[in-house]
Amino acid sequence: MEQRQHERFPAHFRSAFSSVNRVEGEGTVVDLSLRGCGIVCRTAIHPGTTLTLRIQVPGPETALTVRQAVVRWCRDGRIGLEFLSLSPEEWARLQRLVKALTRHPYEQTHETQEHPGA
């Protein structure tokens, strides 16, 4: 089994994904790194499927979009994704998000917003 090169950090972000093969679904990102994430979802997706992933990040910004992510595994209601392609702007946003998770992991859901400085 291949070892991860980047540590994954606990997270809790709503997400949505889709593919050109019309696979689509929603889930919760439960861990995140610079190169991938784990998502709890009800959609079974075959390993090797390429998806576009949108992660609802904290704050007023729009969802973070990973243009291409490949499904590496799918089991027990969870999928593991490897990020293949992000725009330079999205790559910078992902780096900031992961850096924030390394400092102090927190949970963020769509219904409960944390306020900066609170």
PDB file of N, CA and C in Angstrom:
ATOM      1  N   MET A   1       0.838  -1.178   0.000  1.00  0.00           N
ATOM      2  CA  MET A   1       0.000   0.000   0.000  1.00  0.00           C
ATOM      3  C   MET A   1       0.884   1.244   0.000  1.00  0.00           C
ATOM      4  N   GLU A   2       0.492   2.232  -0.781  1.00  0.00           N
ATOM      5  CA  GLU A   2       1.237   3.476  -0.900  1.00  0.00           C
ATOM      6  C   GLU A   2       1.049   4.336   0.345  1.00  0.00           C
ATOM      7  N   GLN A   3       2.134   4.912   0.847  1.00  0.00           N
ATOM      8  CA  GLN A   3       2.073   5.792   2.011  1.00  0.00           C
ATOM      9  C   GLN A   3       1.798   7.222   1.563  1.00  0.00           C
ATOM     10  N   ARG A   4       1.020   7.953   2.354  1.00  0.00           N
ATOM     11  CA  ARG A   4       0.733   9.352   2.037  1.00  0.00           C
ATOM     12  C   ARG A   4       1.978  10.196   2.275  1.00  0.00           C
ATOM     13  N   GLN A   5       2.178  11.188   1.395  1.00  0.00           N
ATOM     14  CA  GLN A   5       3.312  12.093   1.549  1.00  0.00           C
ATOM     15  C   GLN A   5       2.935  13.322   2.364  1.00  0.00           C
ATOM     16  N   HIS A   6       1.638  13.593   2.496  1.00  0.00           N
ATOM     17  CA  HIS A   6       1.180  14.760   3.224  1.00  0.00           C
ATOM     18  C   HIS A   6       0.193  14.334   4.308  1.00  0.00           C
ATOM     19  N   GLU A   7       0.428  14.832   5.515  1.00  0.00           N
ATOM     20  CA  GLU A   7      -0.437  14.501   6.640  1.00  0.00           C
ATOM     21  C   GLU A   7      -1.839  15.056   6.413  1.00  0.00           C
ATOM     22  N   ARG A   8      -2.840  14.250   6.757  1.00  0.00           N
ATOM     23  CA  ARG A   8      -4.227  14.714   6.692  1.00  0.00           C
ATOM     24  C   ARG A   8      -4.645  15.194   8.069  1.00  0.00           C
ATOM     25  N   PHE A   9      -5.435  16.272   8.082  1.00  0.00           N
ATOM     26  CA  PHE A   9      -5.887  16.871   9.327  1.00  0.00           C
ATOM     27  C   PHE A   9      -7.398  16.742   9.443  1.00  0.00           C
ATOM     28  N   PRO A  10      -7.898  16.470  10.661  1.00  0.00           N
ATOM     29  CA  PRO A  10      -9.342  16.363  10.841  1.00  0.00           C
ATOM     30  C   PRO A  10     -10.043  17.639  10.393  1.00  0.00           C
ATOM     31  N   ALA A  11     -11.196  17.466   9.762  1.00  0.00           N
ATOM     32  CA  ALA A  11     -11.965  18.600   9.262  1.00  0.00           C
ATOM     33  C   ALA A  11     -13.442  18.218   9.277  1.00  0.00           C
ATOM     34  N   HIS A  12     -14.286  19.180   8.992  1.00  0.00           N
ATOM     35  CA  HIS A  12     -15.719  18.926   8.895  1.00  0.00           C
ATOM     36  C   HIS A  12     -16.317  20.002   7.976  1.00  0.00           C
ATOM     37  N   PHE A  13     -16.250  19.738   6.668  1.00  0.00           N
ATOM     38  CA  PHE A  13     -16.739  20.682   5.674  1.00  0.00           C
ATOM     39  C   PHE A  13     -17.747  19.987   4.766  1.00  0.00           C
ATOM     40  N   ARG A  14     -18.819  20.651   4.473  1.00  0.00           N
ATOM     41  CA  ARG A  14     -19.755  20.107   3.485  1.00  0.00           C
ATOM     42  C   ARG A  14     -19.093  20.142   2.119  1.00  0.00           C
ATOM     43  N   SER A  15     -19.460  19.182   1.283  1.00  0.00           N
ATOM     44  CA  SER A  15     -18.868  19.118  -0.048  1.00  0.00           C
ATOM     45  C   SER A  15     -19.877  18.565  -1.045  1.00  0.00           C
ATOM     46  N   ALA A  16     -19.588  18.830  -2.307  1.00  0.00           N
ATOM     47  CA  ALA A  16     -20.374  18.277  -3.405  1.00  0.00           C
ATOM     48  C   ALA A  16     -19.384  17.868  -4.490  1.00  0.00           C
ATOM     49  N   PHE A  17     -19.723  16.818  -5.223  1.00  0.00           N
ATOM     50  CA  PHE A  17     -18.820  16.350  -6.277  1.00  0.00           C
ATOM     51  C   PHE A  17     -19.623  15.870  -7.469  1.00  0.00           C
ATOM     52  N   SER A  18     -18.960  15.867  -8.629  1.00  0.00           N
ATOM     53  CA  SER A  18     -19.595  15.390  -9.856  1.00  0.00           C
ATOM     54  C   SER A  18     -18.505  14.931 -10.816  1.00  0.00           C
ATOM     55  N   SER A  19     -18.918  14.138 -11.806  1.00  0.00           N
ATOM     56  CA  SER A  19     -17.986  13.666 -12.827  1.00  0.00           C
ATOM     57  C   SER A  19     -18.641  13.787 -14.189  1.00  0.00           C
ATOM     58  N   VAL A  20     -17.826  13.646 -15.228  1.00  0.00           N
ATOM     59  CA  VAL A  20     -18.370  13.696 -16.580  1.00  0.00           C
ATOM     60  C   VAL A  20     -19.282  12.509 -16.847  1.00  0.00           C
ATOM     61  N   ASN A  21     -19.141  11.430 -16.088  1.00  0.00           N
ATOM     62  CA  ASN A  21     -19.988  10.247 -16.231  1.00  0.00           C
ATOM     63  C   ASN A  21     -21.297  10.381 -15.463  1.00  0.00           C
ATOM     64  N   ARG A  22     -21.617  11.597 -15.060  1.00  0.00           N
ATOM     65  CA  ARG A  22     -22.851  11.907 -14.343  1.00  0.00           C
ATOM     66  C   ARG A  22     -22.931  11.318 -12.935  1.00  0.00           C
ATOM     67  N   VAL A  23     -21.800  10.951 -12.395  1.00  0.00           N
ATOM     68  CA  VAL A  23     -21.779  10.578 -10.982  1.00  0.00           C
ATOM     69  C   VAL A  23     -21.805  11.882 -10.218  1.00  0.00           C
ATOM     70  N   GLU A  24     -22.704  11.990  -9.252  1.00  0.00           N
ATOM     71  CA  GLU A  24     -22.698  13.184  -8.418  1.00  0.00           C
ATOM     72  C   GLU A  24     -23.224  12.851  -7.044  1.00  0.00           C
ATOM     73  N   GLY A  25     -22.847  13.685  -6.094  1.00  0.00           N
ATOM     74  CA  GLY A  25     -23.289  13.460  -4.738  1.00  0.00           C
ATOM     75  C   GLY A  25     -22.807  14.552  -3.819  1.00  0.00           C
ATOM     76  N   GLU A  26     -23.166  14.382  -2.560  1.00  0.00           N
ATOM     77  CA  GLU A  26     -22.754  15.308  -1.515  1.00  0.00           C
ATOM     78  C   GLU A  26     -22.188  14.497  -0.369  1.00  0.00           C
ATOM     79  N   GLY A  27     -21.370  15.148   0.433  1.00  0.00           N
ATOM     80  CA  GLY A  27     -20.793  14.459   1.572  1.00  0.00           C
ATOM     81  C   GLY A  27     -20.149  15.441   2.518  1.00  0.00           C
ATOM     82  N   THR A  28     -19.403  14.884   3.461  1.00  0.00           N
ATOM     83  CA  THR A  28     -18.698  15.683   4.447  1.00  0.00           C
ATOM     84  C   THR A  28     -17.214  15.347   4.383  1.00  0.00           C
ATOM     85  N   VAL A  29     -16.393  16.363   4.142  1.00  0.00           N
ATOM     86  CA  VAL A  29     -14.949  16.180   4.175  1.00  0.00           C
ATOM     87  C   VAL A  29     -14.566  15.998   5.642  1.00  0.00           C
ATOM     88  N   VAL A  30     -13.976  14.848   5.959  1.00  0.00           N
ATOM     89  CA  VAL A  30     -13.635  14.549   7.352  1.00  0.00           C
ATOM     90  C   VAL A  30     -12.138  14.627   7.626  1.00  0.00           C
ATOM     91  N   ASP A  31     -11.337  14.659   6.571  1.00  0.00           N
ATOM     92  CA  ASP A  31      -9.911  14.941   6.732  1.00  0.00           C
ATOM     93  C   ASP A  31      -9.410  15.564   5.438  1.00  0.00           C
ATOM     94  N   LEU A  32      -8.354  16.381   5.574  1.00  0.00           N
ATOM     95  CA  LEU A  32      -7.887  17.180   4.447  1.00  0.00           C
ATOM     96  C   LEU A  32      -6.374  17.337   4.510  1.00  0.00           C
ATOM     97  N   SER A  33      -5.739  17.266   3.342  1.00  0.00           N
ATOM     98  CA  SER A  33      -4.308  17.539   3.218  1.00  0.00           C
ATOM     99  C   SER A  33      -4.103  18.367   1.958  1.00  0.00           C
ATOM    100  N   LEU A  34      -2.854  18.685   1.669  1.00  0.00           N
ATOM    101  CA  LEU A  34      -2.544  19.435   0.455  1.00  0.00           C
ATOM    102  C   LEU A  34      -2.764  18.605  -0.802  1.00  0.00           C
ATOM    103  N   ARG A  35      -2.838  17.304  -0.668  1.00  0.00           N
ATOM    104  CA  ARG A  35      -2.951  16.434  -1.846  1.00  0.00           C
ATOM    105  C   ARG A  35      -4.195  15.563  -1.893  1.00  0.00           C
ATOM    106  N   GLY A  36      -5.068  15.669  -0.870  1.00  0.00           N
ATOM    107  CA  GLY A  36      -6.247  14.823  -0.919  1.00  0.00           C
ATOM    108  C   GLY A  36      -7.142  15.009   0.290  1.00  0.00           C
ATOM    109  N   CYS A  37      -8.202  14.192   0.318  1.00  0.00           N
ATOM    110  CA  CYS A  37      -9.141  14.271   1.435  1.00  0.00           C
ATOM    111  C   CYS A  37      -9.925  12.975   1.540  1.00  0.00           C
ATOM    112  N   GLY A  38     -10.583  12.830   2.676  1.00  0.00           N
ATOM    113  CA  GLY A  38     -11.516  11.741   2.899  1.00  0.00           C
ATOM    114  C   GLY A  38     -12.904  12.336   3.018  1.00  0.00           C
ATOM    115  N   ILE A  39     -13.883  11.684   2.404  1.00  0.00           N
ATOM    116  CA  ILE A  39     -15.257  12.187   2.414  1.00  0.00           C
ATOM    117  C   ILE A  39     -16.196  11.071   2.838  1.00  0.00           C
ATOM    118  N   VAL A  40     -17.058  11.379   3.799  1.00  0.00           N
ATOM    119  CA  VAL A  40     -18.133  10.473   4.175  1.00  0.00           C
ATOM    120  C   VAL A  40     -19.316  10.826   3.294  1.00  0.00           C
ATOM    121  N   CYS A  41     -19.841   9.818   2.577  1.00  0.00           N
ATOM    122  CA  CYS A  41     -20.970  10.077   1.684  1.00  0.00           C
ATOM    123  C   CYS A  41     -21.766   8.793   1.454  1.00  0.00           C
ATOM    124  N   ARG A  42     -22.930   8.968   0.873  1.00  0.00           N
ATOM    125  CA  ARG A  42     -23.790   7.813   0.594  1.00  0.00           C
ATOM    126  C   ARG A  42     -23.621   7.290  -0.822  1.00  0.00           C
ATOM    127  N   THR A  43     -22.791   7.949  -1.618  1.00  0.00           N
ATOM    128  CA  THR A  43     -22.596   7.571  -3.015  1.00  0.00           C
ATOM    129  C   THR A  43     -21.395   6.652  -3.136  1.00  0.00           C
ATOM    130  N   ALA A  44     -21.594   5.459  -3.680  1.00  0.00           N
ATOM    131  CA  ALA A  44     -20.482   4.546  -3.933  1.00  0.00           C
ATOM    132  C   ALA A  44     -19.875   4.912  -5.285  1.00  0.00           C
ATOM    133  N   ILE A  45     -18.586   5.132  -5.298  1.00  0.00           N
ATOM    134  CA  ILE A  45     -17.898   5.549  -6.522  1.00  0.00           C
ATOM    135  C   ILE A  45     -16.722   4.609  -6.747  1.00  0.00           C
ATOM    136  N   HIS A  46     -16.562   4.166  -7.970  1.00  0.00           N
ATOM    137  CA  HIS A  46     -15.485   3.240  -8.293  1.00  0.00           C
ATOM    138  C   HIS A  46     -14.128   3.931  -8.228  1.00  0.00           C
ATOM    139  N   PRO A  47     -13.126   3.279  -7.617  1.00  0.00           N
ATOM    140  CA  PRO A  47     -11.771   3.821  -7.645  1.00  0.00           C
ATOM    141  C   PRO A  47     -11.341   4.073  -9.090  1.00  0.00           C
ATOM    142  N   GLY A  48     -10.620   5.177  -9.285  1.00  0.00           N
ATOM    143  CA  GLY A  48     -10.190   5.569 -10.626  1.00  0.00           C
ATOM    144  C   GLY A  48     -11.087   6.617 -11.260  1.00  0.00           C
ATOM    145  N   THR A  49     -12.281   6.836 -10.676  1.00  0.00           N
ATOM    146  CA  THR A  49     -13.200   7.843 -11.201  1.00  0.00           C
ATOM    147  C   THR A  49     -12.634   9.231 -10.923  1.00  0.00           C
ATOM    148  N   THR A  50     -12.675  10.101 -11.930  1.00  0.00           N
ATOM    149  CA  THR A  50     -12.218  11.471 -11.772  1.00  0.00           C
ATOM    150  C   THR A  50     -13.417  12.369 -11.504  1.00  0.00           C
ATOM    151  N   LEU A  51     -13.302  13.191 -10.464  1.00  0.00           N
ATOM    152  CA  LEU A  51     -14.392  14.066 -10.035  1.00  0.00           C
ATOM    153  C   LEU A  51     -13.955  15.523 -10.007  1.00  0.00           C
ATOM    154  N   THR A  52     -14.933  16.410 -10.051  1.00  0.00           N
ATOM    155  CA  THR A  52     -14.751  17.807  -9.671  1.00  0.00           C
ATOM    156  C   THR A  52     -15.337  17.915  -8.280  1.00  0.00           C
ATOM    157  N   LEU A  53     -14.585  18.511  -7.352  1.00  0.00           N
ATOM    158  CA  LEU A  53     -14.983  18.587  -5.952  1.00  0.00           C
ATOM    159  C   LEU A  53     -15.124  20.038  -5.525  1.00  0.00           C
ATOM    160  N   ARG A  54     -16.218  20.344  -4.828  1.00  0.00           N
ATOM    161  CA  ARG A  54     -16.429  21.671  -4.262  1.00  0.00           C
ATOM    162  C   ARG A  54     -16.551  21.516  -2.747  1.00  0.00           C
ATOM    163  N   ILE A  55     -15.678  22.225  -2.019  1.00  0.00           N
ATOM    164  CA  ILE A  55     -15.645  22.151  -0.559  1.00  0.00           C
ATOM    165  C   ILE A  55     -16.134  23.482   0.001  1.00  0.00           C
ATOM    166  N   GLN A  56     -17.171  23.421   0.843  1.00  0.00           N
ATOM    167  CA  GLN A  56     -17.707  24.633   1.483  1.00  0.00           C
ATOM    168  C   GLN A  56     -16.764  25.041   2.609  1.00  0.00           C
ATOM    169  N   VAL A  57     -15.992  26.085   2.367  1.00  0.00           N
ATOM    170  CA  VAL A  57     -15.013  26.538   3.352  1.00  0.00           C
ATOM    171  C   VAL A  57     -15.607  27.627   4.234  1.00  0.00           C
ATOM    172  N   PRO A  58     -15.013  27.847   5.404  1.00  0.00           N
ATOM    173  CA  PRO A  58     -15.521  28.889   6.294  1.00  0.00           C
ATOM    174  C   PRO A  58     -15.351  30.276   5.683  1.00  0.00           C
ATOM    175  N   GLY A  59     -16.215  31.173   6.080  1.00  0.00           N
ATOM    176  CA  GLY A  59     -16.097  32.558   5.638  1.00  0.00           C
ATOM    177  C   GLY A  59     -16.968  32.873   4.437  1.00  0.00           C
ATOM    178  N   PRO A  60     -16.840  34.096   3.952  1.00  0.00           N
ATOM    179  CA  PRO A  60     -17.717  34.574   2.888  1.00  0.00           C
ATOM    180  C   PRO A  60     -17.321  34.109   1.478  1.00  0.00           C
ATOM    181  N   GLU A  61     -16.159  33.480   1.344  1.00  0.00           N
ATOM    182  CA  GLU A  61     -15.701  33.074   0.022  1.00  0.00           C
ATOM    183  C   GLU A  61     -16.583  31.960  -0.554  1.00  0.00           C
ATOM    184  N   THR A  62     -16.503  31.819  -1.855  1.00  0.00           N
ATOM    185  CA  THR A  62     -17.216  30.736  -2.519  1.00  0.00           C
ATOM    186  C   THR A  62     -16.528  29.410  -2.193  1.00  0.00           C
ATOM    187  N   ALA A  63     -17.170  28.330  -2.569  1.00  0.00           N
ATOM    188  CA  ALA A  63     -16.610  26.998  -2.321  1.00  0.00           C
ATOM    189  C   ALA A  63     -15.244  26.865  -2.992  1.00  0.00           C
ATOM    190  N   LEU A  64     -14.363  26.137  -2.332  1.00  0.00           N
ATOM    191  CA  LEU A  64     -13.065  25.821  -2.911  1.00  0.00           C
ATOM    192  C   LEU A  64     -13.292  24.716  -3.940  1.00  0.00           C
ATOM    193  N   THR A  65     -12.795  24.908  -5.155  1.00  0.00           N
ATOM    194  CA  THR A  65     -13.040  23.942  -6.228  1.00  0.00           C
ATOM    195  C   THR A  65     -11.760  23.239  -6.642  1.00  0.00           C
ATOM    196  N   VAL A  66     -11.795  21.914  -6.566  1.00  0.00           N
ATOM    197  CA  VAL A  66     -10.712  21.075  -7.066  1.00  0.00           C
ATOM    198  C   VAL A  66     -11.197  20.586  -8.429  1.00  0.00           C
ATOM    199  N   ARG A  67     -10.537  21.046  -9.499  1.00  0.00           N
ATOM    200  CA  ARG A  67     -11.002  20.709 -10.853  1.00  0.00           C
ATOM    201  C   ARG A  67     -10.963  19.217 -11.129  1.00  0.00           C
ATOM    202  N   GLN A  68      -9.888  18.564 -10.670  1.00  0.00           N
ATOM    203  CA  GLN A  68      -9.781  17.124 -10.871  1.00  0.00           C
ATOM    204  C   GLN A  68      -9.270  16.454  -9.610  1.00  0.00           C
ATOM    205  N   ALA A  69     -10.041  15.493  -9.134  1.00  0.00           N
ATOM    206  CA  ALA A  69      -9.647  14.649  -8.007  1.00  0.00           C
ATOM    207  C   ALA A  69      -9.994  13.223  -8.398  1.00  0.00           C
ATOM    208  N   VAL A  70      -9.097  12.300  -8.135  1.00  0.00           N
ATOM    209  CA  VAL A  70      -9.357  10.908  -8.491  1.00  0.00           C
ATOM    210  C   VAL A  70      -9.682  10.119  -7.229  1.00  0.00           C
ATOM    211  N   VAL A  71     -10.688   9.255  -7.342  1.00  0.00           N
ATOM    212  CA  VAL A  71     -11.079   8.384  -6.239  1.00  0.00           C
ATOM    213  C   VAL A  71     -10.035   7.278  -6.131  1.00  0.00           C
ATOM    214  N   ARG A  72      -9.386   7.191  -4.977  1.00  0.00           N
ATOM    215  CA  ARG A  72      -8.369   6.156  -4.751  1.00  0.00           C
ATOM    216  C   ARG A  72      -8.960   4.933  -4.072  1.00  0.00           C
ATOM    217  N   TRP A  73      -9.996   5.148  -3.247  1.00  0.00           N
ATOM    218  CA  TRP A  73     -10.662   4.019  -2.601  1.00  0.00           C
ATOM    219  C   TRP A  73     -12.069   4.425  -2.181  1.00  0.00           C
ATOM    220  N   CYS A  74     -12.909   3.416  -2.001  1.00  0.00           N
ATOM    221  CA  CYS A  74     -14.291   3.623  -1.567  1.00  0.00           C
ATOM    222  C   CYS A  74     -14.684   2.419  -0.720  1.00  0.00           C
ATOM    223  N   ARG A  75     -15.015   2.671   0.577  1.00  0.00           N
ATOM    224  CA  ARG A  75     -15.436   1.580   1.459  1.00  0.00           C
ATOM    225  C   ARG A  75     -16.131   2.146   2.691  1.00  0.00           C
ATOM    226  N   ASP A  76     -17.082   1.391   3.177  1.00  0.00           N
ATOM    227  CA  ASP A  76     -17.780   1.715   4.422  1.00  0.00           C
ATOM    228  C   ASP A  76     -18.334   3.139   4.454  1.00  0.00           C
ATOM    229  N   GLY A  77     -18.924   3.582   3.339  1.00  0.00           N
ATOM    230  CA  GLY A  77     -19.545   4.902   3.304  1.00  0.00           C
ATOM    231  C   GLY A  77     -18.562   6.048   3.252  1.00  0.00           C
ATOM    232  N   ARG A  78     -17.356   5.767   2.811  1.00  0.00           N
ATOM    233  CA  ARG A  78     -16.314   6.795   2.763  1.00  0.00           C
ATOM    234  C   ARG A  78     -15.489   6.631   1.494  1.00  0.00           C
ATOM    235  N   ILE A  79     -15.047   7.768   0.925  1.00  0.00           N
ATOM    236  CA  ILE A  79     -14.167   7.717  -0.239  1.00  0.00           C
ATOM    237  C   ILE A  79     -12.894   8.504   0.054  1.00  0.00           C
ATOM    238  N   GLY A  80     -11.801   8.062  -0.539  1.00  0.00           N
ATOM    239  CA  GLY A  80     -10.522   8.755  -0.431  1.00  0.00           C
ATOM    240  C   GLY A  80     -10.180   9.357  -1.773  1.00  0.00           C
ATOM    241  N   LEU A  81      -9.903  10.653  -1.802  1.00  0.00           N
ATOM    242  CA  LEU A  81      -9.588  11.355  -3.039  1.00  0.00           C
ATOM    243  C   LEU A  81      -8.154  11.857  -3.039  1.00  0.00           C
ATOM    244  N   GLU A  82      -7.543  11.832  -4.212  1.00  0.00           N
ATOM    245  CA  GLU A  82      -6.250  12.473  -4.438  1.00  0.00           C
ATOM    246  C   GLU A  82      -6.492  13.649  -5.377  1.00  0.00           C
ATOM    247  N   PHE A  83      -6.004  14.833  -4.996  1.00  0.00           N
ATOM    248  CA  PHE A  83      -6.180  16.024  -5.818  1.00  0.00           C
ATOM    249  C   PHE A  83      -5.169  16.004  -6.959  1.00  0.00           C
ATOM    250  N   LEU A  84      -5.676  16.203  -8.186  1.00  0.00           N
ATOM    251  CA  LEU A  84      -4.806  16.214  -9.359  1.00  0.00           C
ATOM    252  C   LEU A  84      -4.642  17.601  -9.959  1.00  0.00           C
ATOM    253  N   SER A  85      -5.696  18.418  -9.912  1.00  0.00           N
ATOM    254  CA  SER A  85      -5.639  19.702 -10.607  1.00  0.00           C
ATOM    255  C   SER A  85      -6.460  20.763  -9.890  1.00  0.00           C
ATOM    256  N   LEU A  86      -5.793  21.863  -9.550  1.00  0.00           N
ATOM    257  CA  LEU A  86      -6.452  23.042  -8.972  1.00  0.00           C
ATOM    258  C   LEU A  86      -5.900  24.262  -9.707  1.00  0.00           C
ATOM    259  N   SER A  87      -6.701  25.304  -9.818  1.00  0.00           N
ATOM    260  CA  SER A  87      -6.205  26.555 -10.378  1.00  0.00           C
ATOM    261  C   SER A  87      -5.206  27.142  -9.380  1.00  0.00           C
ATOM    262  N   PRO A  88      -4.331  28.042  -9.813  1.00  0.00           N
ATOM    263  CA  PRO A  88      -3.382  28.659  -8.871  1.00  0.00           C
ATOM    264  C   PRO A  88      -4.081  29.345  -7.696  1.00  0.00           C
ATOM    265  N   GLU A  89      -5.208  29.988  -7.947  1.00  0.00           N
ATOM    266  CA  GLU A  89      -5.943  30.657  -6.874  1.00  0.00           C
ATOM    267  C   GLU A  89      -6.496  29.643  -5.868  1.00  0.00           C
ATOM    268  N   GLU A  90      -7.041  28.560  -6.371  1.00  0.00           N
ATOM    269  CA  GLU A  90      -7.591  27.533  -5.489  1.00  0.00           C
ATOM    270  C   GLU A  90      -6.473  26.814  -4.728  1.00  0.00           C
ATOM    271  N   TRP A  91      -5.335  26.630  -5.372  1.00  0.00           N
ATOM    272  CA  TRP A  91      -4.188  26.010  -4.698  1.00  0.00           C
ATOM    273  C   TRP A  91      -3.765  26.874  -3.507  1.00  0.00           C
ATOM    274  N   ALA A  92      -3.717  28.184  -3.693  1.00  0.00           N
ATOM    275  CA  ALA A  92      -3.353  29.098  -2.603  1.00  0.00           C
ATOM    276  C   ALA A  92      -4.389  29.030  -1.479  1.00  0.00           C
ATOM    277  N   ARG A  93      -5.670  28.960  -1.825  1.00  0.00           N
ATOM    278  CA  ARG A  93      -6.732  28.848  -0.811  1.00  0.00           C
ATOM    279  C   ARG A  93      -6.594  27.537  -0.037  1.00  0.00           C
ATOM    280  N   LEU A  94      -6.322  26.439  -0.750  1.00  0.00           N
ATOM    281  CA  LEU A  94      -6.153  25.143  -0.087  1.00  0.00           C
ATOM    282  C   LEU A  94      -4.972  25.191   0.884  1.00  0.00           C
ATOM    283  N   GLN A  95      -3.870  25.795   0.467  1.00  0.00           N
ATOM    284  CA  GLN A  95      -2.711  25.903   1.348  1.00  0.00           C
ATOM    285  C   GLN A  95      -3.059  26.675   2.620  1.00  0.00           C
ATOM    286  N   ARG A  96      -3.794  27.781   2.487  1.00  0.00           N
ATOM    287  CA  ARG A  96      -4.191  28.563   3.663  1.00  0.00           C
ATOM    288  C   ARG A  96      -5.102  27.751   4.580  1.00  0.00           C
ATOM    289  N   LEU A  97      -6.030  27.009   3.976  1.00  0.00           N
ATOM    290  CA  LEU A  97      -6.974  26.216   4.757  1.00  0.00           C
ATOM    291  C   LEU A  97      -6.251  25.118   5.535  1.00  0.00           C
ATOM    292  N   VAL A  98      -5.364  24.386   4.877  1.00  0.00           N
ATOM    293  CA  VAL A  98      -4.631  23.307   5.548  1.00  0.00           C
ATOM    294  C   VAL A  98      -3.722  23.890   6.627  1.00  0.00           C
ATOM    295  N   LYS A  99      -3.100  25.032   6.351  1.00  0.00           N
ATOM    296  CA  LYS A  99      -2.249  25.677   7.364  1.00  0.00           C
ATOM    297  C   LYS A  99      -3.071  26.035   8.605  1.00  0.00           C
ATOM    298  N   ALA A 100      -4.284  26.539   8.392  1.00  0.00           N
ATOM    299  CA  ALA A 100      -5.160  26.866   9.517  1.00  0.00           C
ATOM    300  C   ALA A 100      -5.520  25.606  10.303  1.00  0.00           C
ATOM    301  N   LEU A 101      -5.740  24.492   9.610  1.00  0.00           N
ATOM    302  CA  LEU A 101      -6.073  23.238  10.296  1.00  0.00           C
ATOM    303  C   LEU A 101      -4.888  22.717  11.109  1.00  0.00           C
ATOM    304  N   THR A 102      -3.664  22.983  10.648  1.00  0.00           N
ATOM    305  CA  THR A 102      -2.491  22.513  11.392  1.00  0.00           C
ATOM    306  C   THR A 102      -2.333  23.295  12.687  1.00  0.00           C
ATOM    307  N   ARG A 103      -2.742  24.556  12.680  1.00  0.00           N
ATOM    308  CA  ARG A 103      -2.600  25.400  13.873  1.00  0.00           C
ATOM    309  C   ARG A 103      -3.608  25.045  14.942  1.00  0.00           C
ATOM    310  N   HIS A 104      -4.856  24.960  14.573  1.00  0.00           N
ATOM    311  CA  HIS A 104      -5.903  24.596  15.520  1.00  0.00           C
ATOM    312  C   HIS A 104      -7.076  24.016  14.760  1.00  0.00           C
ATOM    313  N   PRO A 105      -7.127  22.678  14.753  1.00  0.00           N
ATOM    314  CA  PRO A 105      -8.243  22.015  14.084  1.00  0.00           C
ATOM    315  C   PRO A 105      -9.574  22.501  14.645  1.00  0.00           C
ATOM    316  N   TYR A 106     -10.503  22.645  13.780  1.00  0.00           N
ATOM    317  CA  TYR A 106     -11.828  23.080  14.185  1.00  0.00           C
ATOM    318  C   TYR A 106     -12.828  22.417  13.263  1.00  0.00           C
ATOM    319  N   GLU A 107     -14.078  22.538  13.619  1.00  0.00           N
ATOM    320  CA  GLU A 107     -15.131  21.997  12.778  1.00  0.00           C
ATOM    321  C   GLU A 107     -15.982  23.131  12.268  1.00  0.00           C
ATOM    322  N   GLN A 108     -16.421  22.983  11.038  1.00  0.00           N
ATOM    323  CA  GLN A 108     -17.246  24.001  10.399  1.00  0.00           C
ATOM    324  C   GLN A 108     -18.341  23.266   9.639  1.00  0.00           C
ATOM    325  N   THR A 109     -19.568  23.617   9.922  1.00  0.00           N
ATOM    326  CA  THR A 109     -20.675  23.084   9.142  1.00  0.00           C
ATOM    327  C   THR A 109     -21.422  24.245   8.527  1.00  0.00           C
ATOM    328  N   HIS A 110     -22.236  23.964   7.584  1.00  0.00           N
ATOM    329  CA  HIS A 110     -23.005  24.997   6.904  1.00  0.00           C
ATOM    330  C   HIS A 110     -23.960  25.701   7.872  1.00  0.00           C
ATOM    331  N   GLU A 111     -24.488  24.955   8.796  1.00  0.00           N
ATOM    332  CA  GLU A 111     -25.465  25.537   9.724  1.00  0.00           C
ATOM    333  C   GLU A 111     -24.802  26.316  10.862  1.00  0.00           C
ATOM    334  N   THR A 112     -23.574  25.950  11.252  1.00  0.00           N
ATOM    335  CA  THR A 112     -22.906  26.598  12.374  1.00  0.00           C
ATOM    336  C   THR A 112     -21.673  27.303  11.851  1.00  0.00           C
ATOM    337  N   GLN A 113     -21.683  28.616  11.892  1.00  0.00           N
ATOM    338  CA  GLN A 113     -20.568  29.405  11.399  1.00  0.00           C
ATOM    339  C   GLN A 113     -19.744  29.884  12.578  1.00  0.00           C
ATOM    340  N   GLU A 114     -18.430  29.707  12.514  1.00  0.00           N
ATOM    341  CA  GLU A 114     -17.554  30.271  13.527  1.00  0.00           C
ATOM    342  C   GLU A 114     -17.193  31.680  13.085  1.00  0.00           C
ATOM    343  N   HIS A 115     -17.128  32.585  14.013  1.00  0.00           N
ATOM    344  CA  HIS A 115     -16.835  33.973  13.694  1.00  0.00           C
ATOM    345  C   HIS A 115     -15.389  34.294  14.054  1.00  0.00           C
ATOM    346  N   PRO A 116     -14.630  34.906  13.100  1.00  0.00           N
ATOM    347  CA  PRO A 116     -13.239  35.249  13.389  1.00  0.00           C
ATOM    348  C   PRO A 116     -13.160  36.148  14.614  1.00  0.00           C
ATOM    349  N   GLY A 117     -12.205  35.890  15.452  1.00  0.00           N
ATOM    350  CA  GLY A 117     -11.973  36.710  16.616  1.00  0.00           C
ATOM    351  C   GLY A 117     -12.944  36.461  17.755  1.00  0.00           C
ATOM    352  N   ALA A 118     -13.854  35.524  17.569  1.00  0.00           N
ATOM    353  CA  ALA A 118     -14.851  35.248  18.613  1.00  0.00           C
ATOM    354  C   ALA A 118     -14.256  34.375  19.688  1.00  0.00           C
TER     355      ALA A 118
END
